[in-house]
Amino acid sequence: MATPPALQRPAAAAFAAASAPFVVGTRLAPVQASGGPRLGALRRASRPGVAPGGAPAAPPQRRASHPSWVPRGGGGAGATVASASAQPPPAAASPPAPSPSLPAAVAAAVVVTPTTPIAGQTTGTSGLRRPAATLVNNASYLPNLLQAYVNALTPAVTVGASLVVGGDGRYYNATAVQTVLAMAAAAGFARVTVGAGGLLSTPALAGMVVATGAAGGVGLTASHNAAGPDGDWGIKFQAPSGGPAPEALTDRIVAATLAVTEVRAVDFGGGRGVDVSTPGEQSFWGGAFVVHVVDPAAAYVERLREVFDFDALRAYVATPGFGLRFDAMAAVTGPYARALFVDALGLPAESILRGTPLEDFGGGHPDPSPAHTPDLVAALAVPGAGLTLGAASDGDGDRNLILGPGFAVTPADSLAILTEFAATAIPWFSRRPGGLPGVARSMPTAPAVDRVAAALRIPVYETPTGWKWFGSLLAAGRIALCGEESYGTSGDHVAEKDGLWAVCAWLSVLATAADAAGRLVGVEEVVRGHWARHGRTFSARWDYIGVPGVSAAAVMDGLRSGVVAAFAGEERPPPPPPRTDGDGGDSGGDRLDGPTLIHADEFSYTDPVDGSSAAAQGVRLYFASGARGVLRVSGTDATAAATLRVYLDAYRPWGEGVGDVDTADVLGGVGGEVARLARIAELTGRDAPTAVV
């Protein structure tokens, strides 16, 4: 269904009113232009109204069948509520005593609404994502989940503390911000920082959590998922470190969703909410609750100024012949890109494409890949356009795409190149005594960075998918750079992936390369230079989108009981000598009749810092040629349907033809063998992937 014109409006205005297969890492075909720390170790804000020894006794609180702070909608809680007898709540732990109490004035404004648990309020690799209609049609859905957040945190954490709230501006976020504010006050939070218009990118929110000493942050985003009434909506909790909530907390939240019996929220009076349209402070109940609305981009840009040499970057982008195009994808990064690239670095305003956040992201898919940025790809391909760098970021600003004219950089190559250049191009790292302590990548990410790390003699950590698994390594100082194959890359300046940081990092790499060469150096030239020094790692991801969940599970179960069981107890053989032929030979195998499987296992992980563990994190298939296949089911889907992901990679040392061979020629054969071993066609009915990334 097309988004109604009334919804194709700036996301901030809502607050005033209340693929074809594509392989990266090679030449692009022409495209036609188209229209942390433990929760107990918190830096607390002042606690107005809470006297030493406890607050005054709270007056009785009102109970209502339907609170004024949440819109009425069809369906009601009964439509998706799990019966109490079917899902008994877990046994309650003995409560600590005594717990802090609310200030009396706030307690008098609390409305208590009975509710019952809603099934399926679980978290994936990055929070909860559901179709927006789920929340619109069930007015209890978000309040129930937020109450579970509060109950899992406990009054010992919430009362008197600070919170940060913001989102990517998608449909329903305006309503969600008001719901969060009303429930935060009822939970005893003394101060909430909100991005103006309700907007905060994920890395900006993470930085704000740390800067304000907050107990955490609520990010209202479904990241790279489509938006609008027919799109998705999402929410996640950020820990006091600014990073994703650790498993221990998300487990408590999920348990709390099954035990929630009432929702508590304040009534701001007169049926009104809080005006978050412009920066400023608003005080309620004599200062017992304060809402601080901030410029969403200002503090973020200042943080990047600490990481990069803005004077050097400003001089570089002023070089005759340099040009940049950044596609904000009509999502949250538009205001950040203007503040960074135009205001701070002096680039012209036309450097920003789709820079106004819209509630439906303009009807586009906010996933930063060449397939979803056709106008950006086309702009770079215009002869004589003078564009050196193209880039994009996703819905909430934590992913990145790096392009040159007719050339796309794979996420694996990007992480490897930033690691190689970190000590010379990025002041945040070059000023650090001892250099980079280490790097990390998610297990499905092709191991290009491993070869750079070996040359630098620093460790590489291989983690499960999900940025939260980098958190303890960052906090412990074991790594300073990390990345995922899903276009996520960042440093340790913030405990989240950061799309615009990656663009600035690439600007710094290009500036350093230009200084060394005495001329402008393009993205493709930098990548080819990296391949010449370290060899080329080919990588691709085959996505089978919309597969029934039971079918995706059958694929994984079949692999476990089949090839994984066949190699149980065996050590993985050492990698073979790398292939030296540049044309891919027999498409990544070592026999004319197809690749030869030499090992299979299922990835499990134990965190070397905090001892936390994760099992069943993806099946790995190793072939005699050195190629690898990985299969896992995505944890970021918003519906019962699943996305089955197949990751492929292979390595070739630098030699004649290696730089020009097509990725599909190297990985196509091994991908076909992976699909055969996994019985994908038989179990899912899919003869080919929906998309190749």
Foldseek 3Di string as FASTA:
>chain_A
DDFPPVQFDFLLVVLVVVFAFDFAFAFFDAFDADPDDDLVPFDFAAFPQADPPAHPDADDAAEDQDDLLWDDAADEQVNFADDCVVQPFDDDDDDDPDFHDARRLLSHQKYKHFDAFGPDLAFFLFFAKAQPVVCRHYRCVLLLLVVLLLVLSDRNRQARGEEEFAEWSAPPLSSVVQSNQFQSSQSHHLEYEAEASRHAFLQLRLVVLQVRRGQWYKYWALWQWFGDNRTMTGIFIGGSQSAGDDPVSSVSSVSSSNVDTMGMGGDQPPSHTDNRNDADKDAPPVSSHIYGYDHNQDVVLVLVVVWAVLVLLLVLCPPPLEAAAEEALLIRCLVNCCVRCCVRSNHDPNSYHNSRRGNRSSVFRFQPDCRRPSNQLNCQQDPPSSYFWYKYGGRRAQFMWIDHNRHTDFQLLLLLLLLLCVCPQICNQVVDPPGWQEEEEEQLRFNLNVQSCVVVVHYYYYHFPHLVLCHLCLHVSNGFWYYYRSRFIDGSSGSGTGHVSSVVSVSSVQSVVCVVVVHGDHPLRSSVVSCQVRFDKFKKKFKAFQFQPVLLVLLLVLCCVPQAVVCPPHDQDDADPADADQQQVCQAADDVVAWAWDHKHADKDARPRPRDIDGRRWIWTATNNRKIKTWDWHRSDRDSGIMIMIMIMGTYHDDPNNSRHDSCSNHVRVVVVVCVSSVSCVRGVDPGGPYMD
